[in-house]
């Protein structure tokens, strides 16, 4: 799990963050709502394939706004087959793309 602090934007919503990600990643990947349990764990995910995705959650603090993200394998069968350790190698590229996007997107700064 990684955390990136962005400019403090107390009115920023998870729907707005999802829309920003969809504009950037929507032509290459699927941006989908988080359907896992618990629902409050993440807001949405950027899905490259059934094996590779990155989950994202907006966290609003008193004086800070953060995006929490982590690699994820969307398909249960793949998580069971590959295991968490093997899956981390698959996530690395997409996780890096998400990190770079957060760090450079003007909407977050």
Protein backbone atom coordinates (compact mmCIF):
# COMPACT_ATOMS: atom_id res chain seq x y z
CA UNK A 1 0.00 0.00 0.00
CA UNK A 2 1.29 3.44 -0.93
CA UNK A 3 0.12 6.87 0.13
CA UNK A 4 0.53 10.09 -1.84
CA UNK A 5 -0.28 13.42 -0.26
CA UNK A 6 -1.83 15.83 -2.73
CA UNK A 7 -2.81 19.48 -2.41
CA UNK A 8 -5.32 19.87 0.39
CA UNK A 9 -8.70 19.96 -1.32
CA UNK A 10 -11.35 19.38 1.36
CA UNK A 11 -14.19 19.53 -1.17
CA UNK A 12 -12.70 16.90 -3.48
CA UNK A 13 -14.93 13.81 -3.64
CA UNK A 14 -14.16 10.21 -4.48
CA UNK A 15 -16.41 10.56 -7.54
CA UNK A 16 -14.31 13.48 -8.78
CA UNK A 17 -11.10 11.53 -8.21
CA UNK A 18 -12.57 8.56 -10.10
CA UNK A 19 -13.51 10.88 -12.99
CA UNK A 20 -9.98 12.32 -13.09
CA UNK A 21 -8.54 8.81 -13.25
CA UNK A 22 -11.07 7.80 -15.92
CA UNK A 23 -10.05 10.75 -18.12
CA UNK A 24 -6.40 9.75 -17.86
CA UNK A 25 -6.57 5.94 -17.87
CA UNK A 26 -9.96 5.29 -19.53
CA UNK A 27 -8.57 4.84 -23.04
CA UNK A 28 -6.04 2.18 -21.91
CA UNK A 29 -7.65 0.54 -18.89
CA UNK A 30 -11.00 0.12 -17.18
CA UNK A 31 -11.77 2.37 -14.22
CA UNK A 32 -14.34 0.52 -12.11
CA UNK A 33 -16.03 0.89 -8.75
CA UNK A 34 -14.58 -1.10 -5.88
CA UNK A 35 -16.88 -4.05 -5.27
CA UNK A 36 -14.81 -5.84 -2.65
CA UNK A 37 -15.49 -6.13 1.03
CA UNK A 38 -15.46 -4.07 3.08
CA UNK A 39 -16.84 -1.39 0.78
CA UNK A 40 -15.01 1.35 2.69
CA UNK A 41 -11.62 -0.26 2.00
CA UNK A 42 -11.21 1.39 -1.45
CA UNK A 43 -13.21 3.73 -3.69
CA UNK A 44 -12.41 2.41 -7.17
CA UNK A 45 -9.82 0.51 -9.17
CA UNK A 46 -7.87 0.88 -12.38
CA UNK A 47 -8.04 -2.52 -14.08
CA UNK A 48 -5.49 -3.57 -16.66
CA UNK A 49 -6.59 -7.25 -16.74
CA UNK A 50 -8.05 -9.96 -14.56
CA UNK A 51 -4.60 -10.30 -13.04
CA UNK A 52 -3.54 -6.68 -12.67
CA UNK A 53 -5.30 -3.70 -11.10
CA UNK A 54 -4.59 -0.87 -8.70
CA UNK A 55 -7.13 0.12 -6.06
CA UNK A 56 -7.47 3.77 -5.02
CA UNK A 57 -9.04 5.48 -2.00
CA UNK A 58 -9.39 9.18 -1.25
CA UNK A 59 -8.67 10.08 2.36
CA UNK A 60 -9.57 13.52 3.68
CA UNK A 61 -7.95 14.67 6.91
CA UNK A 62 -8.33 17.89 8.85
CA UNK A 63 -5.46 19.57 7.02
CA UNK A 64 -4.52 17.07 4.35
CA UNK A 65 -5.81 15.16 1.35
CA UNK A 66 -4.24 11.83 0.42
CA UNK A 67 -4.68 9.11 -2.15
CA UNK A 68 -4.03 5.58 -0.93
CA UNK A 69 -3.37 3.01 -3.64
CA UNK A 70 -2.15 -0.55 -3.94
CA UNK A 71 -1.78 -3.34 -6.43
CA UNK A 72 -4.57 -5.88 -6.58
CA UNK A 73 -5.53 -9.00 -8.52
CA UNK A 74 -9.23 -8.61 -9.39
CA UNK A 75 -10.02 -12.27 -10.10
CA UNK A 76 -10.29 -14.45 -6.99
CA UNK A 77 -9.12 -17.54 -8.86
CA UNK A 78 -5.97 -15.66 -9.92
CA UNK A 79 -5.26 -14.51 -6.36
CA UNK A 80 -5.57 -18.10 -5.16
CA UNK A 81 -3.50 -19.51 -8.00
CA UNK A 82 -0.72 -16.92 -8.03
CA UNK A 83 -0.60 -15.96 -4.39
CA UNK A 84 0.01 -12.48 -3.07
CA UNK A 85 3.79 -12.50 -3.46
CA UNK A 86 3.72 -13.53 -7.13
CA UNK A 87 0.96 -11.01 -7.85
CA UNK A 88 3.08 -8.13 -6.56
CA UNK A 89 5.43 -8.56 -9.53
CA UNK A 90 2.47 -8.20 -11.91
CA UNK A 91 1.23 -4.99 -10.22
CA UNK A 92 4.51 -3.12 -10.30
CA UNK A 93 4.13 -1.50 -13.74
CA UNK A 94 0.57 -0.27 -13.27
CA UNK A 95 1.26 0.86 -9.71
CA UNK A 96 4.16 2.93 -11.02
CA UNK A 97 1.90 4.48 -13.69
CA UNK A 98 -0.67 5.42 -11.04
CA UNK A 99 2.01 6.89 -8.76
CA UNK A 100 3.45 9.00 -11.59
CA UNK A 101 -0.02 10.19 -12.56
CA UNK A 102 -0.83 11.28 -9.01
CA UNK A 103 2.48 13.11 -8.73
CA UNK A 104 2.05 14.99 -12.03
CA UNK A 105 -1.69 15.51 -12.56
CA UNK A 106 -2.52 19.21 -12.29
CA UNK A 107 -5.90 18.35 -10.72
CA UNK A 108 -4.07 17.06 -7.64
CA UNK A 109 -1.69 20.01 -7.19
